[in-house]
Amino acid sequence: MGKVTKPGFYYFDGSIRLADAIAKAEGLSVGVFDNNTIELADLQHSFVRRGDDILPIDFDALLRKGDALMNIPLINGDYIFIPSAMNQEVYVIGEVNKQGYFGFKPNMTAGRLL
């Protein structure tokens, strides 16, 4: 759940590892800010919950540095959450060139989005 391209419930047969599960959700979400594509995921505050426990996973080490020790095997019922790196987001819909969600920053104007 959270800032992956396709959040939701995923079922699997056999074994699957954390990085594979994120790949099944088509990777981390991106948005647009100041005409630049930015990653919306907050890897520092991401977590895997297994039952009542939060597992000590360093998502940054896993996804940016390829740390195989962080690529844990998942079990039935594991919950993966990747929160937003943006405090707030702005959604633009309707008759515009590009609909979607954009990162909000203080003093941002609508003209910067369009």
PDB file of N, CA and C in Angstrom:
ATOM      1  N   MET A   1       0.846  -1.182   0.000  1.00  0.00           N
ATOM      2  CA  MET A   1       0.000   0.000   0.000  1.00  0.00           C
ATOM      3  C   MET A   1       0.881   1.232   0.000  1.00  0.00           C
ATOM      4  N   GLY A   2       0.312   2.344  -0.377  1.00  0.00           N
ATOM      5  CA  GLY A   2       1.031   3.601  -0.351  1.00  0.00           C
ATOM      6  C   GLY A   2       1.517   4.024  -1.717  1.00  0.00           C
ATOM      7  N   LYS A   3       2.689   4.610  -1.764  1.00  0.00           N
ATOM      8  CA  LYS A   3       3.212   5.234  -2.974  1.00  0.00           C
ATOM      9  C   LYS A   3       3.950   4.257  -3.890  1.00  0.00           C
ATOM     10  N   VAL A   4       3.188   3.260  -4.355  1.00  0.00           N
ATOM     11  CA  VAL A   4       3.618   2.396  -5.441  1.00  0.00           C
ATOM     12  C   VAL A   4       2.669   2.672  -6.601  1.00  0.00           C
ATOM     13  N   THR A   5       3.065   2.299  -7.797  1.00  0.00           N
ATOM     14  CA  THR A   5       2.253   2.617  -8.969  1.00  0.00           C
ATOM     15  C   THR A   5       0.876   1.973  -8.902  1.00  0.00           C
ATOM     16  N   LYS A   6       0.819   0.716  -8.466  1.00  0.00           N
ATOM     17  CA  LYS A   6      -0.471   0.022  -8.368  1.00  0.00           C
ATOM     18  C   LYS A   6      -0.627  -0.607  -6.988  1.00  0.00           C
ATOM     19  N   PRO A   7      -1.034   0.204  -5.986  1.00  0.00           N
ATOM     20  CA  PRO A   7      -1.222  -0.365  -4.650  1.00  0.00           C
ATOM     21  C   PRO A   7      -2.393  -1.339  -4.635  1.00  0.00           C
ATOM     22  N   GLY A   8      -2.361  -2.268  -3.722  1.00  0.00           N
ATOM     23  CA  GLY A   8      -3.457  -3.213  -3.598  1.00  0.00           C
ATOM     24  C   GLY A   8      -3.002  -4.504  -2.959  1.00  0.00           C
ATOM     25  N   PHE A   9      -3.893  -5.477  -2.987  1.00  0.00           N
ATOM     26  CA  PHE A   9      -3.582  -6.796  -2.449  1.00  0.00           C
ATOM     27  C   PHE A   9      -3.020  -7.659  -3.574  1.00  0.00           C
ATOM     28  N   TYR A  10      -1.953  -8.355  -3.278  1.00  0.00           N
ATOM     29  CA  TYR A  10      -1.341  -9.233  -4.267  1.00  0.00           C
ATOM     30  C   TYR A  10      -1.232 -10.635  -3.679  1.00  0.00           C
ATOM     31  N   TYR A  11      -1.639 -11.602  -4.457  1.00  0.00           N
ATOM     32  CA  TYR A  11      -1.552 -12.997  -4.058  1.00  0.00           C
ATOM     33  C   TYR A  11      -0.418 -13.646  -4.836  1.00  0.00           C
ATOM     34  N   PHE A  12       0.223 -14.606  -4.225  1.00  0.00           N
ATOM     35  CA  PHE A  12       1.326 -15.272  -4.898  1.00  0.00           C
ATOM     36  C   PHE A  12       1.373 -16.722  -4.486  1.00  0.00           C
ATOM     37  N   ASP A  13       1.861 -17.532  -5.395  1.00  0.00           N
ATOM     38  CA  ASP A  13       2.080 -18.947  -5.114  1.00  0.00           C
ATOM     39  C   ASP A  13       3.572 -19.132  -4.882  1.00  0.00           C
ATOM     40  N   GLY A  14       3.915 -19.852  -3.870  1.00  0.00           N
ATOM     41  CA  GLY A  14       5.332 -20.083  -3.610  1.00  0.00           C
ATOM     42  C   GLY A  14       5.955 -18.925  -2.860  1.00  0.00           C
ATOM     43  N   SER A  15       7.231 -18.718  -3.089  1.00  0.00           N
ATOM     44  CA  SER A  15       7.938 -17.691  -2.331  1.00  0.00           C
ATOM     45  C   SER A  15       8.082 -16.415  -3.151  1.00  0.00           C
ATOM     46  N   ILE A  16       8.094 -15.304  -2.455  1.00  0.00           N
ATOM     47  CA  ILE A  16       8.310 -13.999  -3.071  1.00  0.00           C
ATOM     48  C   ILE A  16       9.087 -13.147  -2.072  1.00  0.00           C
ATOM     49  N   ARG A  17       9.945 -12.310  -2.589  1.00  0.00           N
ATOM     50  CA  ARG A  17      10.754 -11.432  -1.748  1.00  0.00           C
ATOM     51  C   ARG A  17      10.220 -10.004  -1.847  1.00  0.00           C
ATOM     52  N   LEU A  18      10.659  -9.170  -0.920  1.00  0.00           N
ATOM     53  CA  LEU A  18      10.153  -7.806  -0.811  1.00  0.00           C
ATOM     54  C   LEU A  18      10.317  -7.015  -2.109  1.00  0.00           C
ATOM     55  N   ALA A  19      11.493  -7.023  -2.701  1.00  0.00           N
ATOM     56  CA  ALA A  19      11.710  -6.269  -3.947  1.00  0.00           C
ATOM     57  C   ALA A  19      10.811  -6.779  -5.065  1.00  0.00           C
ATOM     58  N   ASP A  20      10.554  -8.086  -5.095  1.00  0.00           N
ATOM     59  CA  ASP A  20       9.658  -8.654  -6.105  1.00  0.00           C
ATOM     60  C   ASP A  20       8.229  -8.163  -5.906  1.00  0.00           C
ATOM     61  N   ALA A  21       7.815  -8.039  -4.646  1.00  0.00           N
ATOM     62  CA  ALA A  21       6.467  -7.550  -4.348  1.00  0.00           C
ATOM     63  C   ALA A  21       6.312  -6.096  -4.800  1.00  0.00           C
ATOM     64  N   ILE A  22       7.337  -5.282  -4.575  1.00  0.00           N
ATOM     65  CA  ILE A  22       7.286  -3.888  -5.024  1.00  0.00           C
ATOM     66  C   ILE A  22       7.258  -3.845  -6.551  1.00  0.00           C
ATOM     67  N   ALA A  23       7.994  -4.723  -7.183  1.00  0.00           N
ATOM     68  CA  ALA A  23       7.978  -4.796  -8.647  1.00  0.00           C
ATOM     69  C   ALA A  23       6.609  -5.227  -9.158  1.00  0.00           C
ATOM     70  N   LYS A  24       5.941  -6.155  -8.460  1.00  0.00           N
ATOM     71  CA  LYS A  24       4.584  -6.570  -8.854  1.00  0.00           C
ATOM     72  C   LYS A  24       3.621  -5.388  -8.827  1.00  0.00           C
ATOM     73  N   ALA A  25       3.868  -4.455  -7.908  1.00  0.00           N
ATOM     74  CA  ALA A  25       3.041  -3.245  -7.816  1.00  0.00           C
ATOM     75  C   ALA A  25       3.543  -2.167  -8.775  1.00  0.00           C
ATOM     76  N   GLU A  26       4.416  -2.545  -9.682  1.00  0.00           N
ATOM     77  CA  GLU A  26       4.982  -1.700 -10.736  1.00  0.00           C
ATOM     78  C   GLU A  26       5.850  -0.564 -10.210  1.00  0.00           C
ATOM     79  N   GLY A  27       6.511  -0.793  -9.095  1.00  0.00           N
ATOM     80  CA  GLY A  27       7.512   0.156  -8.602  1.00  0.00           C
ATOM     81  C   GLY A  27       6.945   1.331  -7.853  1.00  0.00           C
ATOM     82  N   LEU A  28       7.825   2.256  -7.523  1.00  0.00           N
ATOM     83  CA  LEU A  28       7.462   3.426  -6.738  1.00  0.00           C
ATOM     84  C   LEU A  28       6.770   4.481  -7.592  1.00  0.00           C
ATOM     85  N   SER A  29       5.830   5.201  -6.974  1.00  0.00           N
ATOM     86  CA  SER A  29       5.088   6.253  -7.672  1.00  0.00           C
ATOM     87  C   SER A  29       5.972   7.457  -7.945  1.00  0.00           C
ATOM     88  N   VAL A  30       5.675   8.127  -9.039  1.00  0.00           N
ATOM     89  CA  VAL A  30       6.345   9.384  -9.359  1.00  0.00           C
ATOM     90  C   VAL A  30       5.286  10.443  -9.614  1.00  0.00           C
ATOM     91  N   GLY A  31       5.676  11.697  -9.460  1.00  0.00           N
ATOM     92  CA  GLY A  31       4.799  12.826  -9.717  1.00  0.00           C
ATOM     93  C   GLY A  31       5.610  13.913 -10.388  1.00  0.00           C
ATOM     94  N   VAL A  32       4.998  15.083 -10.533  1.00  0.00           N
ATOM     95  CA  VAL A  32       5.665  16.196 -11.195  1.00  0.00           C
ATOM     96  C   VAL A  32       5.673  17.389 -10.258  1.00  0.00           C
ATOM     97  N   PHE A  33       6.842  18.033 -10.126  1.00  0.00           N
ATOM     98  CA  PHE A  33       6.985  19.269  -9.373  1.00  0.00           C
ATOM     99  C   PHE A  33       7.993  20.134 -10.097  1.00  0.00           C
ATOM    100  N   ASP A  34       7.637  21.390 -10.339  1.00  0.00           N
ATOM    101  CA  ASP A  34       8.512  22.317 -11.068  1.00  0.00           C
ATOM    102  C   ASP A  34       8.987  21.713 -12.392  1.00  0.00           C
ATOM    103  N   ASN A  35       8.060  21.071 -13.100  1.00  0.00           N
ATOM    104  CA  ASN A  35       8.343  20.453 -14.404  1.00  0.00           C
ATOM    105  C   ASN A  35       9.398  19.355 -14.337  1.00  0.00           C
ATOM    106  N   ASN A  36       9.607  18.791 -13.164  1.00  0.00           N
ATOM    107  CA  ASN A  36      10.535  17.675 -13.001  1.00  0.00           C
ATOM    108  C   ASN A  36       9.784  16.483 -12.436  1.00  0.00           C
ATOM    109  N   THR A  37      10.149  15.310 -12.887  1.00  0.00           N
ATOM    110  CA  THR A  37       9.578  14.096 -12.332  1.00  0.00           C
ATOM    111  C   THR A  37      10.288  13.802 -11.018  1.00  0.00           C
ATOM    112  N   ILE A  38       9.494  13.575  -9.970  1.00  0.00           N
ATOM    113  CA  ILE A  38      10.064  13.263  -8.661  1.00  0.00           C
ATOM    114  C   ILE A  38       9.430  11.996  -8.116  1.00  0.00           C
ATOM    115  N   GLU A  39      10.195  11.286  -7.322  1.00  0.00           N
ATOM    116  CA  GLU A  39       9.692  10.087  -6.666  1.00  0.00           C
ATOM    117  C   GLU A  39       8.856  10.521  -5.465  1.00  0.00           C
ATOM    118  N   LEU A  40       7.696   9.917  -5.292  1.00  0.00           N
ATOM    119  CA  LEU A  40       6.786  10.306  -4.230  1.00  0.00           C
ATOM    120  C   LEU A  40       6.918   9.448  -2.980  1.00  0.00           C
ATOM    121  N   ALA A  41       7.718   8.414  -3.024  1.00  0.00           N
ATOM    122  CA  ALA A  41       7.828   7.479  -1.909  1.00  0.00           C
ATOM    123  C   ALA A  41       8.812   7.979  -0.851  1.00  0.00           C
ATOM    124  N   ASP A  42       8.427   7.821   0.393  1.00  0.00           N
ATOM    125  CA  ASP A  42       9.296   8.132   1.529  1.00  0.00           C
ATOM    126  C   ASP A  42       9.885   6.812   2.030  1.00  0.00           C
ATOM    127  N   LEU A  43      11.044   6.440   1.511  1.00  0.00           N
ATOM    128  CA  LEU A  43      11.635   5.148   1.857  1.00  0.00           C
ATOM    129  C   LEU A  43      12.093   5.087   3.306  1.00  0.00           C
ATOM    130  N   GLN A  44      12.465   6.218   3.870  1.00  0.00           N
ATOM    131  CA  GLN A  44      12.946   6.246   5.254  1.00  0.00           C
ATOM    132  C   GLN A  44      11.856   5.832   6.246  1.00  0.00           C
ATOM    133  N   HIS A  45      10.609   6.131   5.930  1.00  0.00           N
ATOM    134  CA  HIS A  45       9.509   5.804   6.846  1.00  0.00           C
ATOM    135  C   HIS A  45       8.658   4.629   6.369  1.00  0.00           C
ATOM    136  N   SER A  46       9.117   3.922   5.365  1.00  0.00           N
ATOM    137  CA  SER A  46       8.403   2.740   4.870  1.00  0.00           C
ATOM    138  C   SER A  46       8.620   1.571   5.823  1.00  0.00           C
ATOM    139  N   PHE A  47       7.684   0.634   5.814  1.00  0.00           N
ATOM    140  CA  PHE A  47       7.823  -0.503   6.727  1.00  0.00           C
ATOM    141  C   PHE A  47       7.094  -1.736   6.228  1.00  0.00           C
ATOM    142  N   VAL A  48       7.473  -2.860   6.814  1.00  0.00           N
ATOM    143  CA  VAL A  48       6.765  -4.118   6.623  1.00  0.00           C
ATOM    144  C   VAL A  48       6.240  -4.517   7.992  1.00  0.00           C
ATOM    145  N   ARG A  49       4.923  -4.754   8.065  1.00  0.00           N
ATOM    146  CA  ARG A  49       4.326  -5.238   9.309  1.00  0.00           C
ATOM    147  C   ARG A  49       4.034  -6.716   9.144  1.00  0.00           C
ATOM    148  N   ARG A  50       4.481  -7.483  10.109  1.00  0.00           N
ATOM    149  CA  ARG A  50       4.236  -8.924  10.138  1.00  0.00           C
ATOM    150  C   ARG A  50       3.565  -9.216  11.473  1.00  0.00           C
ATOM    151  N   GLY A  51       2.253  -9.460  11.417  1.00  0.00           N
ATOM    152  CA  GLY A  51       1.501  -9.632  12.657  1.00  0.00           C
ATOM    153  C   GLY A  51       1.522  -8.325  13.433  1.00  0.00           C
ATOM    154  N   ASP A  52       1.985  -8.381  14.677  1.00  0.00           N
ATOM    155  CA  ASP A  52       2.076  -7.182  15.508  1.00  0.00           C
ATOM    156  C   ASP A  52       3.447  -6.519  15.453  1.00  0.00           C
ATOM    157  N   ASP A  53       4.361  -7.068  14.651  1.00  0.00           N
ATOM    158  CA  ASP A  53       5.732  -6.568  14.612  1.00  0.00           C
ATOM    159  C   ASP A  53       5.993  -5.734  13.361  1.00  0.00           C
ATOM    160  N   ILE A  54       6.842  -4.715  13.528  1.00  0.00           N
ATOM    161  CA  ILE A  54       7.365  -3.944  12.406  1.00  0.00           C
ATOM    162  C   ILE A  54       8.777  -4.467  12.157  1.00  0.00           C
ATOM    163  N   LEU A  55       9.033  -4.951  10.957  1.00  0.00           N
ATOM    164  CA  LEU A  55      10.335  -5.534  10.640  1.00  0.00           C
ATOM    165  C   LEU A  55      11.356  -4.426  10.344  1.00  0.00           C
ATOM    166  N   PRO A  56      12.601  -4.600  10.778  1.00  0.00           N
ATOM    167  CA  PRO A  56      13.631  -3.567  10.583  1.00  0.00           C
ATOM    168  C   PRO A  56      14.220  -3.607   9.166  1.00  0.00           C
ATOM    169  N   ILE A  57      13.474  -3.072   8.218  1.00  0.00           N
ATOM    170  CA  ILE A  57      13.890  -3.081   6.820  1.00  0.00           C
ATOM    171  C   ILE A  57      14.359  -1.677   6.436  1.00  0.00           C
ATOM    172  N   ASP A  58      15.516  -1.583   5.824  1.00  0.00           N
ATOM    173  CA  ASP A  58      16.023  -0.323   5.284  1.00  0.00           C
ATOM    174  C   ASP A  58      15.675  -0.308   3.791  1.00  0.00           C
ATOM    175  N   PHE A  59      14.552   0.310   3.457  1.00  0.00           N
ATOM    176  CA  PHE A  59      14.066   0.329   2.083  1.00  0.00           C
ATOM    177  C   PHE A  59      15.028   1.067   1.158  1.00  0.00           C
ATOM    178  N   ASP A  60      15.689   2.097   1.678  1.00  0.00           N
ATOM    179  CA  ASP A  60      16.663   2.822   0.870  1.00  0.00           C
ATOM    180  C   ASP A  60      17.821   1.901   0.484  1.00  0.00           C
ATOM    181  N   ALA A  61      18.326   1.147   1.440  1.00  0.00           N
ATOM    182  CA  ALA A  61      19.417   0.198   1.153  1.00  0.00           C
ATOM    183  C   ALA A  61      18.954  -0.871   0.164  1.00  0.00           C
ATOM    184  N   LEU A  62      17.742  -1.338   0.318  1.00  0.00           N
ATOM    185  CA  LEU A  62      17.213  -2.369  -0.582  1.00  0.00           C
ATOM    186  C   LEU A  62      17.068  -1.856  -2.009  1.00  0.00           C
ATOM    187  N   LEU A  63      16.365  -0.735  -2.162  1.00  0.00           N
ATOM    188  CA  LEU A  63      15.980  -0.292  -3.500  1.00  0.00           C
ATOM    189  C   LEU A  63      17.007   0.595  -4.187  1.00  0.00           C
ATOM    190  N   ARG A  64      17.818   1.304  -3.447  1.00  0.00           N
ATOM    191  CA  ARG A  64      18.798   2.194  -4.067  1.00  0.00           C
ATOM    192  C   ARG A  64      20.207   1.595  -4.113  1.00  0.00           C
ATOM    193  N   LYS A  65      20.511   0.749  -3.125  1.00  0.00           N
ATOM    194  CA  LYS A  65      21.858   0.193  -3.034  1.00  0.00           C
ATOM    195  C   LYS A  65      21.905  -1.297  -3.331  1.00  0.00           C
ATOM    196  N   GLY A  66      20.730  -1.914  -3.498  1.00  0.00           N
ATOM    197  CA  GLY A  66      20.682  -3.332  -3.839  1.00  0.00           C
ATOM    198  C   GLY A  66      21.125  -4.251  -2.716  1.00  0.00           C
ATOM    199  N   ASP A  67      20.905  -3.841  -1.464  1.00  0.00           N
ATOM    200  CA  ASP A  67      21.311  -4.642  -0.306  1.00  0.00           C
ATOM    201  C   ASP A  67      20.442  -5.895  -0.212  1.00  0.00           C
ATOM    202  N   ALA A  68      21.003  -7.037  -0.561  1.00  0.00           N
ATOM    203  CA  ALA A  68      20.266  -8.306  -0.589  1.00  0.00           C
ATOM    204  C   ALA A  68      19.789  -8.727   0.793  1.00  0.00           C
ATOM    205  N   LEU A  69      20.460  -8.289   1.855  1.00  0.00           N
ATOM    206  CA  LEU A  69      20.027  -8.643   3.210  1.00  0.00           C
ATOM    207  C   LEU A  69      18.666  -8.039   3.552  1.00  0.00           C
ATOM    208  N   MET A  70      18.313  -6.939   2.903  1.00  0.00           N
ATOM    209  CA  MET A  70      17.020  -6.287   3.144  1.00  0.00           C
ATOM    210  C   MET A  70      15.906  -6.902   2.306  1.00  0.00           C
ATOM    211  N   ASN A  71      16.260  -7.723   1.341  1.00  0.00           N
ATOM    212  CA  ASN A  71      15.273  -8.330   0.443  1.00  0.00           C
ATOM    213  C   ASN A  71      14.727  -9.611   1.073  1.00  0.00           C
ATOM    214  N   ILE A  72      13.932  -9.423   2.103  1.00  0.00           N
ATOM    215  CA  ILE A  72      13.440 -10.545   2.911  1.00  0.00           C
ATOM    216  C   ILE A  72      12.354 -11.325   2.172  1.00  0.00           C
ATOM    217  N   PRO A  73      12.250 -12.620   2.472  1.00  0.00           N
ATOM    218  CA  PRO A  73      11.114 -13.375   1.944  1.00  0.00           C
ATOM    219  C   PRO A  73       9.845 -12.944   2.687  1.00  0.00           C
ATOM    220  N   LEU A  74       8.764 -12.809   1.950  1.00  0.00           N
ATOM    221  CA  LEU A  74       7.489 -12.429   2.551  1.00  0.00           C
ATOM    222  C   LEU A  74       6.683 -13.676   2.890  1.00  0.00           C
ATOM    223  N   ILE A  75       5.814 -13.526   3.874  1.00  0.00           N
ATOM    224  CA  ILE A  75       4.913 -14.611   4.237  1.00  0.00           C
ATOM    225  C   ILE A  75       3.476 -14.112   4.159  1.00  0.00           C
ATOM    226  N   ASN A  76       2.552 -15.035   4.157  1.00  0.00           N
ATOM    227  CA  ASN A  76       1.136 -14.710   4.079  1.00  0.00           C
ATOM    228  C   ASN A  76       0.758 -13.712   5.172  1.00  0.00           C
ATOM    229  N   GLY A  77       0.104 -12.624   4.778  1.00  0.00           N
ATOM    230  CA  GLY A  77      -0.370 -11.637   5.735  1.00  0.00           C
ATOM    231  C   GLY A  77       0.567 -10.461   5.948  1.00  0.00           C
ATOM    232  N   ASP A  78       1.774 -10.488   5.376  1.00  0.00           N
ATOM    233  CA  ASP A  78       2.675  -9.340   5.507  1.00  0.00           C
ATOM    234  C   ASP A  78       2.023  -8.113   4.874  1.00  0.00           C
ATOM    235  N   TYR A  79       2.247  -6.966   5.493  1.00  0.00           N
ATOM    236  CA  TYR A  79       1.694  -5.697   5.036  1.00  0.00           C
ATOM    237  C   TYR A  79       2.856  -4.760   4.757  1.00  0.00           C
ATOM    238  N   ILE A  80       2.960  -4.280   3.528  1.00  0.00           N
ATOM    239  CA  ILE A  80       4.028  -3.371   3.124  1.00  0.00           C
ATOM    240  C   ILE A  80       3.400  -1.991   2.948  1.00  0.00           C
ATOM    241  N   PHE A  81       3.980  -0.985   3.594  1.00  0.00           N
ATOM    242  CA  PHE A  81       3.468   0.381   3.447  1.00  0.00           C
ATOM    243  C   PHE A  81       4.610   1.317   3.091  1.00  0.00           C
ATOM    244  N   ILE A  82       4.419   2.066   2.022  1.00  0.00           N
ATOM    245  CA  ILE A  82       5.395   3.048   1.558  1.00  0.00           C
ATOM    246  C   ILE A  82       4.685   4.401   1.539  1.00  0.00           C
ATOM    247  N   PRO A  83       4.934   5.252   2.552  1.00  0.00           N
ATOM    248  CA  PRO A  83       4.214   6.526   2.651  1.00  0.00           C
ATOM    249  C   PRO A  83       4.698   7.541   1.622  1.00  0.00           C
ATOM    250  N   SER A  84       3.963   8.612   1.536  1.00  0.00           N
ATOM    251  CA  SER A  84       4.287   9.695   0.610  1.00  0.00           C
ATOM    252  C   SER A  84       5.418  10.551   1.155  1.00  0.00           C
ATOM    253  N   ALA A  85       6.322  10.950   0.275  1.00  0.00           N
ATOM    254  CA  ALA A  85       7.397  11.867   0.646  1.00  0.00           C
ATOM    255  C   ALA A  85       6.890  13.305   0.675  1.00  0.00           C
ATOM    256  N   MET A  86       5.761  13.530   0.077  1.00  0.00           N
ATOM    257  CA  MET A  86       5.188  14.869   0.025  1.00  0.00           C
ATOM    258  C   MET A  86       4.242  15.039   1.208  1.00  0.00           C
ATOM    259  N   ASN A  87       4.323  16.176   1.849  1.00  0.00           N
ATOM    260  CA  ASN A  87       3.393  16.441   2.941  1.00  0.00           C
ATOM    261  C   ASN A  87       1.973  16.530   2.411  1.00  0.00           C
ATOM    262  N   GLN A  88       1.855  17.105   1.231  1.00  0.00           N
ATOM    263  CA  GLN A  88       0.540  17.253   0.621  1.00  0.00           C
ATOM    264  C   GLN A  88       0.688  17.098  -0.877  1.00  0.00           C
ATOM    265  N   GLU A  89      -0.408  16.758  -1.501  1.00  0.00           N
ATOM    266  CA  GLU A  89      -0.430  16.642  -2.947  1.00  0.00           C
ATOM    267  C   GLU A  89      -1.606  17.436  -3.486  1.00  0.00           C
ATOM    268  N   VAL A  90      -1.476  17.911  -4.709  1.00  0.00           N
ATOM    269  CA  VAL A  90      -2.530  18.639  -5.389  1.00  0.00           C
ATOM    270  C   VAL A  90      -2.964  17.790  -6.572  1.00  0.00           C
ATOM    271  N   TYR A  91      -4.270  17.609  -6.726  1.00  0.00           N
ATOM    272  CA  TYR A  91      -4.802  16.856  -7.848  1.00  0.00           C
ATOM    273  C   TYR A  91      -5.383  17.829  -8.864  1.00  0.00           C
ATOM    274  N   VAL A  92      -4.962  17.694 -10.115  1.00  0.00           N
ATOM    275  CA  VAL A  92      -5.455  18.548 -11.192  1.00  0.00           C
ATOM    276  C   VAL A  92      -6.239  17.657 -12.146  1.00  0.00           C
ATOM    277  N   ILE A  93      -7.528  17.991 -12.329  1.00  0.00           N
ATOM    278  CA  ILE A  93      -8.381  17.209 -13.219  1.00  0.00           C
ATOM    279  C   ILE A  93      -9.173  18.162 -14.099  1.00  0.00           C
ATOM    280  N   GLY A  94      -9.788  17.644 -15.118  1.00  0.00           N
ATOM    281  CA  GLY A  94     -10.632  18.461 -15.983  1.00  0.00           C
ATOM    282  C   GLY A  94      -9.963  18.769 -17.302  1.00  0.00           C
ATOM    283  N   GLU A  95     -10.309  19.908 -17.883  1.00  0.00           N
ATOM    284  CA  GLU A  95      -9.824  20.303 -19.206  1.00  0.00           C
ATOM    285  C   GLU A  95      -8.456  20.962 -19.103  1.00  0.00           C
ATOM    286  N   VAL A  96      -7.449  20.147 -18.850  1.00  0.00           N
ATOM    287  CA  VAL A  96      -6.060  20.607 -18.789  1.00  0.00           C
ATOM    288  C   VAL A  96      -5.218  19.698 -19.674  1.00  0.00           C
ATOM    289  N   ASN A  97      -4.027  20.149 -20.016  1.00  0.00           N
ATOM    290  CA  ASN A  97      -3.158  19.332 -20.865  1.00  0.00           C
ATOM    291  C   ASN A  97      -2.734  18.048 -20.187  1.00  0.00           C
ATOM    292  N   LYS A  98      -2.467  18.116 -18.876  1.00  0.00           N
ATOM    293  CA  LYS A  98      -1.999  16.925 -18.174  1.00  0.00           C
ATOM    294  C   LYS A  98      -2.698  16.818 -16.825  1.00  0.00           C
ATOM    295  N   GLN A  99      -3.587  15.836 -16.703  1.00  0.00           N
ATOM    296  CA  GLN A  99      -4.237  15.584 -15.426  1.00  0.00           C
ATOM    297  C   GLN A  99      -3.318  14.753 -14.546  1.00  0.00           C
ATOM    298  N   GLY A 100      -3.511  14.838 -13.254  1.00  0.00           N
ATOM    299  CA  GLY A 100      -2.733  14.002 -12.358  1.00  0.00           C
ATOM    300  C   GLY A 100      -2.522  14.662 -11.017  1.00  0.00           C
ATOM    301  N   TYR A 101      -1.639  14.057 -10.225  1.00  0.00           N
ATOM    302  CA  TYR A 101      -1.331  14.616  -8.915  1.00  0.00           C
ATOM    303  C   TYR A 101       0.078  15.167  -8.926  1.00  0.00           C
ATOM    304  N   PHE A 102       0.248  16.224  -8.164  1.00  0.00           N
ATOM    305  CA  PHE A 102       1.498  16.952  -8.145  1.00  0.00           C
ATOM    306  C   PHE A 102       1.867  17.238  -6.693  1.00  0.00           C
ATOM    307  N   GLY A 103       3.143  17.258  -6.401  1.00  0.00           N
ATOM    308  CA  GLY A 103       3.606  17.589  -5.062  1.00  0.00           C
ATOM    309  C   GLY A 103       3.319  19.033  -4.735  1.00  0.00           C
ATOM    310  N   PHE A 104       2.840  19.288  -3.529  1.00  0.00           N
ATOM    311  CA  PHE A 104       2.539  20.644  -3.079  1.00  0.00           C
ATOM    312  C   PHE A 104       3.678  21.162  -2.222  1.00  0.00           C
ATOM    313  N   LYS A 105       4.077  22.372  -2.487  1.00  0.00           N
ATOM    314  CA  LYS A 105       5.078  23.069  -1.680  1.00  0.00           C
ATOM    315  C   LYS A 105       4.521  24.437  -1.315  1.00  0.00           C
ATOM    316  N   PRO A 106       4.917  24.996  -0.174  1.00  0.00           N
ATOM    317  CA  PRO A 106       4.451  26.339   0.192  1.00  0.00           C
ATOM    318  C   PRO A 106       4.758  27.350  -0.911  1.00  0.00           C
ATOM    319  N   ASN A 107       3.873  28.303  -1.066  1.00  0.00           N
ATOM    320  CA  ASN A 107       3.974  29.387  -2.054  1.00  0.00           C
ATOM    321  C   ASN A 107       3.834  28.909  -3.495  1.00  0.00           C
ATOM    322  N   MET A 108       3.367  27.696  -3.690  1.00  0.00           N
ATOM    323  CA  MET A 108       3.131  27.187  -5.039  1.00  0.00           C
ATOM    324  C   MET A 108       1.882  27.853  -5.607  1.00  0.00           C
ATOM    325  N   THR A 109       1.899  28.164  -6.895  1.00  0.00           N
ATOM    326  CA  THR A 109       0.727  28.729  -7.552  1.00  0.00           C
ATOM    327  C   THR A 109       0.191  27.732  -8.569  1.00  0.00           C
ATOM    328  N   ALA A 110      -1.076  27.872  -8.903  1.00  0.00           N
ATOM    329  CA  ALA A 110      -1.693  26.978  -9.896  1.00  0.00           C
ATOM    330  C   ALA A 110      -1.001  27.115 -11.242  1.00  0.00           C
ATOM    331  N   GLY A 111      -0.519  28.284 -11.570  1.00  0.00           N
ATOM    332  CA  GLY A 111       0.148  28.513 -12.839  1.00  0.00           C
ATOM    333  C   GLY A 111       1.399  27.666 -12.999  1.00  0.00           C
ATOM    334  N   ARG A 112       2.041  27.298 -11.915  1.00  0.00           N
ATOM    335  CA  ARG A 112       3.238  26.473 -11.987  1.00  0.00           C
ATOM    336  C   ARG A 112       2.903  25.021 -12.322  1.00  0.00           C
ATOM    337  N   LEU A 113       1.666  24.632 -12.096  1.00  0.00           N
ATOM    338  CA  LEU A 113       1.239  23.257 -12.375  1.00  0.00           C
ATOM    339  C   LEU A 113       0.817  23.074 -13.828  1.00  0.00           C
ATOM    340  N   LEU A 114       0.271  24.095 -14.416  1.00  0.00           N
ATOM    341  CA  LEU A 114      -0.346  23.952 -15.747  1.00  0.00           C
ATOM    342  C   LEU A 114       0.635  24.193 -16.869  1.00  0.00           C
TER     343      LEU A 114
END
